[in-house]
Amino acid sequence: MRSKLPLFGFLLLAVSLVACVPASAAQLSVEGAWGRPSAAMPMTGTMFMVIKNDGQTADKLLSASSPACGSTEFHQMVMKADGSMGMNLVDEPLEIPAGGFLNLEPGGYHLMCIDKTDKFMPGTSIDLTLVFDKSGEKTIQVELRPTE
């Protein structure tokens, strides 16, 4: 009996540790990341991508940073009362729903590079680190394209 006690203790510990791990955490992937310089504001650029969550737990995009940018901000394009398009600063995390996606795209949510330290030359790429609430940091490459 005494020789089975350590084995029983080990099995009990293993089962306890497995029970503490979330059953289905967020499983994020970033697709189609691209950016361009801003035609209207020479010291800024915009970045776009699709963040997919194949997990069963929602996550949130908290922030982003790049050595090519003095700072970054999330913005959303909106229709103003006068019928013109405007841009609003988004100062809260962007949710990536479980089994869904967050689309950062022209005309919608996007990431602004403020005081860019890179010229955003088409055909090159920059590093971008995304910070998520549950998934931590993920560094990606952003392909730079010409201004349309």
N, C-alpha and C. Protein backbone atom coordinates (compact mmCIF):
# COMPACT_ATOMS: atom_id res chain seq x y z
N MET A 1 0.82 -1.19 0.00
CA MET A 1 0.00 0.00 0.00
C MET A 1 0.87 1.25 0.00
N ARG A 2 1.94 1.19 0.75
CA ARG A 2 2.80 2.36 0.87
C ARG A 2 3.41 2.76 -0.46
N SER A 3 3.75 1.83 -1.33
CA SER A 3 4.38 2.15 -2.61
C SER A 3 3.40 2.79 -3.60
N LYS A 4 2.10 2.63 -3.39
CA LYS A 4 1.12 3.23 -4.30
C LYS A 4 0.76 4.65 -3.88
N LEU A 5 1.08 5.07 -2.71
CA LEU A 5 0.74 6.40 -2.22
C LEU A 5 1.41 7.50 -3.05
N PRO A 6 2.71 7.42 -3.35
CA PRO A 6 3.31 8.48 -4.18
C PRO A 6 2.67 8.55 -5.57
N LEU A 7 2.35 7.41 -6.16
CA LEU A 7 1.72 7.41 -7.46
C LEU A 7 0.34 8.06 -7.39
N PHE A 8 -0.43 7.74 -6.37
CA PHE A 8 -1.75 8.34 -6.18
C PHE A 8 -1.62 9.85 -6.00
N GLY A 9 -0.66 10.30 -5.23
CA GLY A 9 -0.44 11.73 -5.02
C GLY A 9 -0.08 12.44 -6.31
N PHE A 10 0.78 11.81 -7.11
CA PHE A 10 1.17 12.39 -8.39
C PHE A 10 -0.04 12.52 -9.32
N LEU A 11 -0.85 11.46 -9.40
CA LEU A 11 -2.04 11.50 -10.25
C LEU A 11 -3.04 12.56 -9.80
N LEU A 12 -3.21 12.71 -8.50
CA LEU A 12 -4.10 13.72 -7.96
C LEU A 12 -3.61 15.13 -8.32
N LEU A 13 -2.31 15.35 -8.21
CA LEU A 13 -1.72 16.64 -8.58
C LEU A 13 -1.90 16.92 -10.07
N ALA A 14 -1.67 15.92 -10.91
CA ALA A 14 -1.79 16.09 -12.36
C ALA A 14 -3.23 16.44 -12.74
N VAL A 15 -4.20 15.77 -12.17
CA VAL A 15 -5.61 16.05 -12.46
C VAL A 15 -5.96 17.45 -11.98
N SER A 16 -5.46 17.87 -10.85
CA SER A 16 -5.72 19.21 -10.32
C SER A 16 -5.17 20.28 -11.25
N LEU A 17 -3.96 20.07 -11.76
CA LEU A 17 -3.35 21.05 -12.65
C LEU A 17 -4.10 21.14 -13.97
N VAL A 18 -4.54 20.04 -14.52
CA VAL A 18 -5.29 20.04 -15.77
C VAL A 18 -6.61 20.79 -15.56
N ALA A 19 -7.23 20.65 -14.42
CA ALA A 19 -8.49 21.32 -14.14
C ALA A 19 -8.33 22.83 -14.07
N CYS A 20 -7.14 23.32 -13.79
CA CYS A 20 -6.89 24.76 -13.68
C CYS A 20 -6.67 25.41 -15.03
N VAL A 21 -6.38 24.66 -16.08
CA VAL A 21 -6.12 25.22 -17.40
C VAL A 21 -7.44 25.48 -18.09
N PRO A 22 -7.62 26.67 -18.70
CA PRO A 22 -8.87 26.93 -19.41
C PRO A 22 -9.09 25.89 -20.50
N ALA A 23 -10.31 25.43 -20.62
CA ALA A 23 -10.62 24.36 -21.57
C ALA A 23 -10.41 24.79 -23.01
N SER A 24 -10.74 26.02 -23.32
CA SER A 24 -10.58 26.47 -24.70
C SER A 24 -10.28 27.96 -24.71
N ALA A 25 -9.02 28.29 -24.61
CA ALA A 25 -8.60 29.68 -24.62
C ALA A 25 -8.76 30.26 -26.02
N ALA A 26 -8.58 31.57 -26.12
CA ALA A 26 -8.60 32.21 -27.42
C ALA A 26 -7.44 31.66 -28.24
N GLN A 27 -7.69 31.44 -29.52
CA GLN A 27 -6.66 30.95 -30.45
C GLN A 27 -6.61 31.94 -31.60
N LEU A 28 -5.71 32.93 -31.48
CA LEU A 28 -5.68 34.03 -32.42
C LEU A 28 -4.68 33.82 -33.55
N SER A 29 -5.06 34.30 -34.72
CA SER A 29 -4.15 34.37 -35.86
C SER A 29 -4.39 35.71 -36.55
N VAL A 30 -3.34 36.24 -37.15
CA VAL A 30 -3.44 37.53 -37.85
C VAL A 30 -3.17 37.26 -39.33
N GLU A 31 -4.08 37.75 -40.16
CA GLU A 31 -3.97 37.50 -41.60
C GLU A 31 -4.00 38.81 -42.38
N GLY A 32 -3.26 38.82 -43.49
CA GLY A 32 -3.33 39.91 -44.45
C GLY A 32 -2.93 41.27 -43.91
N ALA A 33 -1.95 41.34 -43.01
CA ALA A 33 -1.55 42.64 -42.43
C ALA A 33 -0.85 43.49 -43.48
N TRP A 34 -1.36 44.70 -43.68
CA TRP A 34 -0.75 45.63 -44.61
C TRP A 34 -0.95 47.06 -44.12
N GLY A 35 -0.13 47.94 -44.63
CA GLY A 35 -0.22 49.34 -44.24
C GLY A 35 0.15 50.25 -45.39
N ARG A 36 -0.07 51.54 -45.18
CA ARG A 36 0.27 52.54 -46.19
C ARG A 36 0.48 53.89 -45.52
N PRO A 37 1.24 54.76 -46.16
CA PRO A 37 1.35 56.11 -45.62
C PRO A 37 0.04 56.86 -45.83
N SER A 38 -0.21 57.82 -44.99
CA SER A 38 -1.42 58.62 -45.13
C SER A 38 -1.16 59.74 -46.14
N ALA A 39 -2.04 59.87 -47.12
CA ALA A 39 -1.89 60.90 -48.13
C ALA A 39 -2.14 62.29 -47.54
N ALA A 40 -3.07 62.37 -46.60
CA ALA A 40 -3.46 63.67 -46.04
C ALA A 40 -2.52 64.15 -44.93
N MET A 41 -1.89 63.23 -44.22
CA MET A 41 -1.04 63.59 -43.10
C MET A 41 0.30 62.87 -43.24
N PRO A 42 1.34 63.56 -43.70
CA PRO A 42 2.60 62.89 -44.03
C PRO A 42 3.31 62.21 -42.85
N MET A 43 3.04 62.58 -41.64
CA MET A 43 3.72 61.97 -40.49
C MET A 43 2.95 60.77 -39.92
N THR A 44 1.90 60.35 -40.65
CA THR A 44 1.11 59.21 -40.17
C THR A 44 1.01 58.12 -41.23
N GLY A 45 0.59 56.97 -40.79
CA GLY A 45 0.31 55.85 -41.68
C GLY A 45 -0.82 55.05 -41.08
N THR A 46 -1.40 54.18 -41.88
CA THR A 46 -2.49 53.33 -41.39
C THR A 46 -2.15 51.87 -41.63
N MET A 47 -2.68 51.01 -40.75
CA MET A 47 -2.43 49.57 -40.86
C MET A 47 -3.75 48.82 -40.72
N PHE A 48 -3.84 47.74 -41.49
CA PHE A 48 -5.06 46.96 -41.57
C PHE A 48 -4.73 45.48 -41.47
N MET A 49 -5.68 44.68 -41.04
CA MET A 49 -5.48 43.23 -40.91
C MET A 49 -6.78 42.59 -40.44
N VAL A 50 -6.80 41.27 -40.49
CA VAL A 50 -7.92 40.51 -39.92
C VAL A 50 -7.33 39.66 -38.79
N ILE A 51 -7.92 39.78 -37.60
CA ILE A 51 -7.51 38.97 -36.45
C ILE A 51 -8.60 37.95 -36.21
N LYS A 52 -8.27 36.68 -36.42
CA LYS A 52 -9.24 35.60 -36.26
C LYS A 52 -9.05 34.92 -34.91
N ASN A 53 -10.17 34.52 -34.34
CA ASN A 53 -10.17 33.82 -33.06
C ASN A 53 -10.87 32.47 -33.27
N ASP A 54 -10.07 31.42 -33.40
CA ASP A 54 -10.63 30.08 -33.60
C ASP A 54 -10.92 29.37 -32.28
N GLY A 55 -10.74 30.08 -31.17
CA GLY A 55 -10.99 29.49 -29.86
C GLY A 55 -12.44 29.69 -29.43
N GLN A 56 -12.74 29.25 -28.22
CA GLN A 56 -14.08 29.37 -27.66
C GLN A 56 -14.16 30.43 -26.58
N THR A 57 -13.11 31.26 -26.49
CA THR A 57 -13.06 32.34 -25.51
C THR A 57 -12.75 33.64 -26.23
N ALA A 58 -13.51 34.67 -25.97
CA ALA A 58 -13.25 35.98 -26.57
C ALA A 58 -11.92 36.54 -26.03
N ASP A 59 -11.31 37.42 -26.80
CA ASP A 59 -10.10 38.12 -26.36
C ASP A 59 -10.26 39.58 -26.76
N LYS A 60 -9.36 40.42 -26.31
CA LYS A 60 -9.41 41.84 -26.63
C LYS A 60 -8.03 42.32 -27.07
N LEU A 61 -8.03 43.13 -28.13
CA LEU A 61 -6.82 43.79 -28.57
C LEU A 61 -6.67 45.05 -27.74
N LEU A 62 -5.62 45.08 -26.90
CA LEU A 62 -5.44 46.19 -25.96
C LEU A 62 -4.64 47.33 -26.55
N SER A 63 -3.56 47.01 -27.27
CA SER A 63 -2.68 48.05 -27.80
C SER A 63 -1.79 47.48 -28.88
N ALA A 64 -1.02 48.36 -29.49
CA ALA A 64 -0.06 47.96 -30.52
C ALA A 64 1.12 48.91 -30.46
N SER A 65 2.28 48.43 -30.91
CA SER A 65 3.46 49.30 -30.98
C SER A 65 4.34 48.83 -32.12
N SER A 66 5.14 49.76 -32.62
CA SER A 66 6.07 49.46 -33.70
C SER A 66 7.26 50.41 -33.61
N PRO A 67 8.47 49.90 -33.89
CA PRO A 67 9.62 50.80 -33.94
C PRO A 67 9.48 51.83 -35.06
N ALA A 68 8.57 51.60 -36.02
CA ALA A 68 8.36 52.52 -37.13
C ALA A 68 7.43 53.68 -36.76
N CYS A 69 6.87 53.65 -35.54
CA CYS A 69 5.89 54.66 -35.13
C CYS A 69 6.29 55.26 -33.79
N GLY A 70 6.11 56.57 -33.67
CA GLY A 70 6.29 57.21 -32.37
C GLY A 70 5.26 56.70 -31.39
N SER A 71 4.03 56.53 -31.87
CA SER A 71 2.95 55.95 -31.07
C SER A 71 1.92 55.36 -32.04
N THR A 72 1.00 54.59 -31.50
CA THR A 72 -0.08 54.02 -32.30
C THR A 72 -1.41 54.27 -31.60
N GLU A 73 -2.46 54.36 -32.40
CA GLU A 73 -3.80 54.56 -31.88
C GLU A 73 -4.78 53.76 -32.73
N PHE A 74 -5.86 53.30 -32.11
CA PHE A 74 -6.94 52.68 -32.85
C PHE A 74 -7.96 53.76 -33.19
N HIS A 75 -8.41 53.76 -34.44
CA HIS A 75 -9.40 54.74 -34.90
C HIS A 75 -10.53 54.00 -35.61
N GLN A 76 -11.65 54.70 -35.75
CA GLN A 76 -12.78 54.18 -36.50
C GLN A 76 -13.32 55.27 -37.41
N MET A 77 -13.53 54.93 -38.68
CA MET A 77 -14.16 55.86 -39.61
C MET A 77 -15.65 55.87 -39.32
N VAL A 78 -16.24 57.08 -39.31
CA VAL A 78 -17.67 57.23 -39.04
C VAL A 78 -18.28 58.25 -40.00
N MET A 79 -19.56 58.11 -40.24
CA MET A 79 -20.29 59.07 -41.06
C MET A 79 -20.76 60.20 -40.14
N LYS A 80 -20.40 61.44 -40.49
CA LYS A 80 -20.82 62.60 -39.70
C LYS A 80 -22.24 63.01 -40.10
N ALA A 81 -22.84 63.87 -39.29
CA ALA A 81 -24.20 64.33 -39.53
C ALA A 81 -24.32 65.06 -40.86
N ASP A 82 -23.24 65.72 -41.30
CA ASP A 82 -23.29 66.46 -42.57
C ASP A 82 -23.03 65.57 -43.78
N GLY A 83 -22.90 64.26 -43.57
CA GLY A 83 -22.69 63.34 -44.66
C GLY A 83 -21.23 63.08 -45.02
N SER A 84 -20.31 63.78 -44.37
CA SER A 84 -18.89 63.55 -44.64
C SER A 84 -18.36 62.46 -43.71
N MET A 85 -17.23 61.89 -44.10
CA MET A 85 -16.60 60.86 -43.27
C MET A 85 -15.65 61.54 -42.27
N GLY A 86 -15.61 60.98 -41.08
CA GLY A 86 -14.71 61.47 -40.04
C GLY A 86 -14.04 60.28 -39.37
N MET A 87 -13.11 60.59 -38.50
CA MET A 87 -12.36 59.54 -37.82
C MET A 87 -12.41 59.80 -36.32
N ASN A 88 -12.79 58.78 -35.57
CA ASN A 88 -12.84 58.88 -34.11
C ASN A 88 -11.75 58.01 -33.48
N LEU A 89 -11.12 58.54 -32.44
CA LEU A 89 -10.18 57.77 -31.64
C LEU A 89 -10.97 56.73 -30.86
N VAL A 90 -10.48 55.49 -30.85
CA VAL A 90 -11.10 54.42 -30.07
C VAL A 90 -10.21 54.21 -28.85
N ASP A 91 -10.71 54.55 -27.68
CA ASP A 91 -9.88 54.47 -26.48
C ASP A 91 -10.25 53.31 -25.56
N GLU A 92 -10.86 52.28 -26.14
CA GLU A 92 -11.16 51.08 -25.37
C GLU A 92 -10.70 49.87 -26.18
N PRO A 93 -10.45 48.76 -25.52
CA PRO A 93 -9.99 47.56 -26.24
C PRO A 93 -10.98 47.12 -27.31
N LEU A 94 -10.45 46.52 -28.37
CA LEU A 94 -11.28 46.00 -29.46
C LEU A 94 -11.47 44.51 -29.26
N GLU A 95 -12.71 44.05 -29.21
CA GLU A 95 -13.00 42.64 -28.92
C GLU A 95 -12.86 41.77 -30.16
N ILE A 96 -12.29 40.59 -29.94
CA ILE A 96 -12.24 39.54 -30.95
C ILE A 96 -13.11 38.42 -30.40
N PRO A 97 -14.34 38.26 -30.90
CA PRO A 97 -15.26 37.28 -30.31
C PRO A 97 -14.79 35.84 -30.52
N ALA A 98 -15.20 34.98 -29.63
CA ALA A 98 -14.92 33.55 -29.76
C ALA A 98 -15.50 33.05 -31.07
N GLY A 99 -14.69 32.34 -31.84
CA GLY A 99 -15.14 31.81 -33.12
C GLY A 99 -15.38 32.88 -34.18
N GLY A 100 -14.91 34.09 -33.94
CA GLY A 100 -15.15 35.20 -34.86
C GLY A 100 -13.87 35.90 -35.25
N PHE A 101 -14.00 37.16 -35.62
CA PHE A 101 -12.84 37.92 -36.08
C PHE A 101 -13.03 39.41 -35.83
N LEU A 102 -11.93 40.13 -35.88
CA LEU A 102 -11.90 41.59 -35.84
C LEU A 102 -11.27 42.02 -37.15
N ASN A 103 -11.98 42.84 -37.92
CA ASN A 103 -11.49 43.29 -39.20
C ASN A 103 -11.04 44.74 -39.08
N LEU A 104 -9.74 44.98 -39.21
CA LEU A 104 -9.21 46.34 -39.28
C LEU A 104 -9.07 46.62 -40.77
N GLU A 105 -9.90 47.56 -41.30
CA GLU A 105 -9.99 47.75 -42.74
C GLU A 105 -10.21 49.22 -43.09
N PRO A 106 -9.87 49.60 -44.32
CA PRO A 106 -10.16 50.97 -44.77
C PRO A 106 -11.66 51.24 -44.64
N GLY A 107 -12.00 52.39 -44.11
CA GLY A 107 -13.40 52.75 -43.93
C GLY A 107 -14.02 52.25 -42.65
N GLY A 108 -13.25 51.53 -41.82
CA GLY A 108 -13.76 51.01 -40.55
C GLY A 108 -12.73 51.20 -39.45
N TYR A 109 -12.63 50.21 -38.58
CA TYR A 109 -11.57 50.24 -37.57
C TYR A 109 -10.23 50.09 -38.26
N HIS A 110 -9.22 50.80 -37.77
CA HIS A 110 -7.86 50.68 -38.29
C HIS A 110 -6.87 51.14 -37.24
N LEU A 111 -5.63 50.88 -37.49
CA LEU A 111 -4.54 51.25 -36.58
C LEU A 111 -3.77 52.40 -37.20
N MET A 112 -3.62 53.49 -36.47
CA MET A 112 -2.87 54.66 -36.95
C MET A 112 -1.46 54.65 -36.36
N CYS A 113 -0.50 54.88 -37.23
CA CYS A 113 0.89 55.08 -36.84
C CYS A 113 1.09 56.60 -36.76
N ILE A 114 1.36 57.10 -35.58
CA ILE A 114 1.53 58.53 -35.36
C ILE A 114 3.02 58.85 -35.25
N ASP A 115 3.43 59.97 -35.82
CA ASP A 115 4.84 60.38 -35.81
C ASP A 115 5.74 59.24 -36.30
N LYS A 116 5.45 58.77 -37.51
CA LYS A 116 6.19 57.62 -38.03
C LYS A 116 7.68 57.92 -38.18
N THR A 117 8.47 56.94 -37.83
CA THR A 117 9.92 57.04 -37.93
C THR A 117 10.42 56.31 -39.16
N ASP A 118 9.50 55.70 -39.91
CA ASP A 118 9.80 54.96 -41.13
C ASP A 118 9.07 55.67 -42.27
N LYS A 119 9.61 55.62 -43.46
CA LYS A 119 8.98 56.30 -44.60
C LYS A 119 7.81 55.53 -45.19
N PHE A 120 7.57 54.32 -44.70
CA PHE A 120 6.48 53.48 -45.22
C PHE A 120 6.64 53.30 -46.73
N MET A 121 7.81 52.88 -47.14
CA MET A 121 8.09 52.68 -48.56
C MET A 121 7.39 51.41 -49.05
N PRO A 122 6.58 51.54 -50.11
CA PRO A 122 5.92 50.36 -50.67
C PRO A 122 6.94 49.28 -51.04
N GLY A 123 6.56 48.04 -50.77
CA GLY A 123 7.44 46.91 -51.05
C GLY A 123 8.30 46.50 -49.87
N THR A 124 8.26 47.28 -48.79
CA THR A 124 9.00 46.91 -47.58
C THR A 124 7.98 46.48 -46.52
N SER A 125 8.46 46.15 -45.35
CA SER A 125 7.56 45.79 -44.26
C SER A 125 8.11 46.33 -42.94
N ILE A 126 7.24 46.41 -41.96
CA ILE A 126 7.62 46.86 -40.62
C ILE A 126 7.13 45.84 -39.60
N ASP A 127 7.79 45.83 -38.44
CA ASP A 127 7.34 45.00 -37.33
C ASP A 127 6.23 45.72 -36.57
N LEU A 128 5.26 44.96 -36.12
CA LEU A 128 4.16 45.49 -35.32
C LEU A 128 3.88 44.48 -34.21
N THR A 129 3.88 44.95 -32.97
CA THR A 129 3.56 44.09 -31.84
C THR A 129 2.16 44.41 -31.36
N LEU A 130 1.31 43.40 -31.37
CA LEU A 130 -0.06 43.51 -30.89
C LEU A 130 -0.12 42.94 -29.48
N VAL A 131 -0.84 43.60 -28.59
CA VAL A 131 -0.96 43.15 -27.21
C VAL A 131 -2.43 42.81 -26.94
N PHE A 132 -2.65 41.54 -26.57
CA PHE A 132 -3.99 41.03 -26.31
C PHE A 132 -4.19 40.80 -24.81
N ASP A 133 -5.42 40.90 -24.38
CA ASP A 133 -5.76 40.71 -22.97
C ASP A 133 -5.40 39.31 -22.48
N LYS A 134 -5.81 38.29 -23.21
CA LYS A 134 -5.59 36.91 -22.76
C LYS A 134 -4.43 36.23 -23.48
N SER A 135 -4.18 36.62 -24.71
CA SER A 135 -3.17 35.92 -25.53
C SER A 135 -1.78 36.56 -25.47
N GLY A 136 -1.64 37.66 -24.74
CA GLY A 136 -0.33 38.29 -24.60
C GLY A 136 0.10 39.02 -25.86
N GLU A 137 1.41 39.06 -26.09
CA GLU A 137 1.97 39.80 -27.23
C GLU A 137 2.18 38.90 -28.44
N LYS A 138 1.96 39.48 -29.61
CA LYS A 138 2.22 38.78 -30.87
C LYS A 138 2.84 39.80 -31.83
N THR A 139 4.05 39.53 -32.30
CA THR A 139 4.72 40.42 -33.25
C THR A 139 4.54 39.88 -34.65
N ILE A 140 4.10 40.76 -35.55
CA ILE A 140 3.83 40.38 -36.93
C ILE A 140 4.59 41.32 -37.87
N GLN A 141 4.61 40.95 -39.14
CA GLN A 141 5.15 41.80 -40.21
C GLN A 141 3.98 42.45 -40.94
N VAL A 142 4.10 43.74 -41.18
CA VAL A 142 3.08 44.48 -41.91
C VAL A 142 3.67 44.88 -43.27
N GLU A 143 3.08 44.38 -44.34
CA GLU A 143 3.52 44.71 -45.71
C GLU A 143 3.09 46.14 -46.03
N LEU A 144 4.00 46.94 -46.54
CA LEU A 144 3.67 48.32 -46.89
C LEU A 144 3.34 48.43 -48.37
N ARG A 145 2.22 49.12 -48.65
CA ARG A 145 1.72 49.28 -50.01
C ARG A 145 1.62 50.77 -50.35
N PRO A 146 1.48 51.08 -51.62
CA PRO A 146 1.34 52.49 -52.01
C PRO A 146 0.01 53.07 -51.54
N THR A 147 -0.03 54.39 -51.39
CA THR A 147 -1.26 55.09 -51.07
C THR A 147 -2.18 55.02 -52.28
N GLU A 148 -3.43 54.75 -52.03
CA GLU A 148 -4.39 54.63 -53.14
C GLU A 148 -4.99 55.96 -53.46
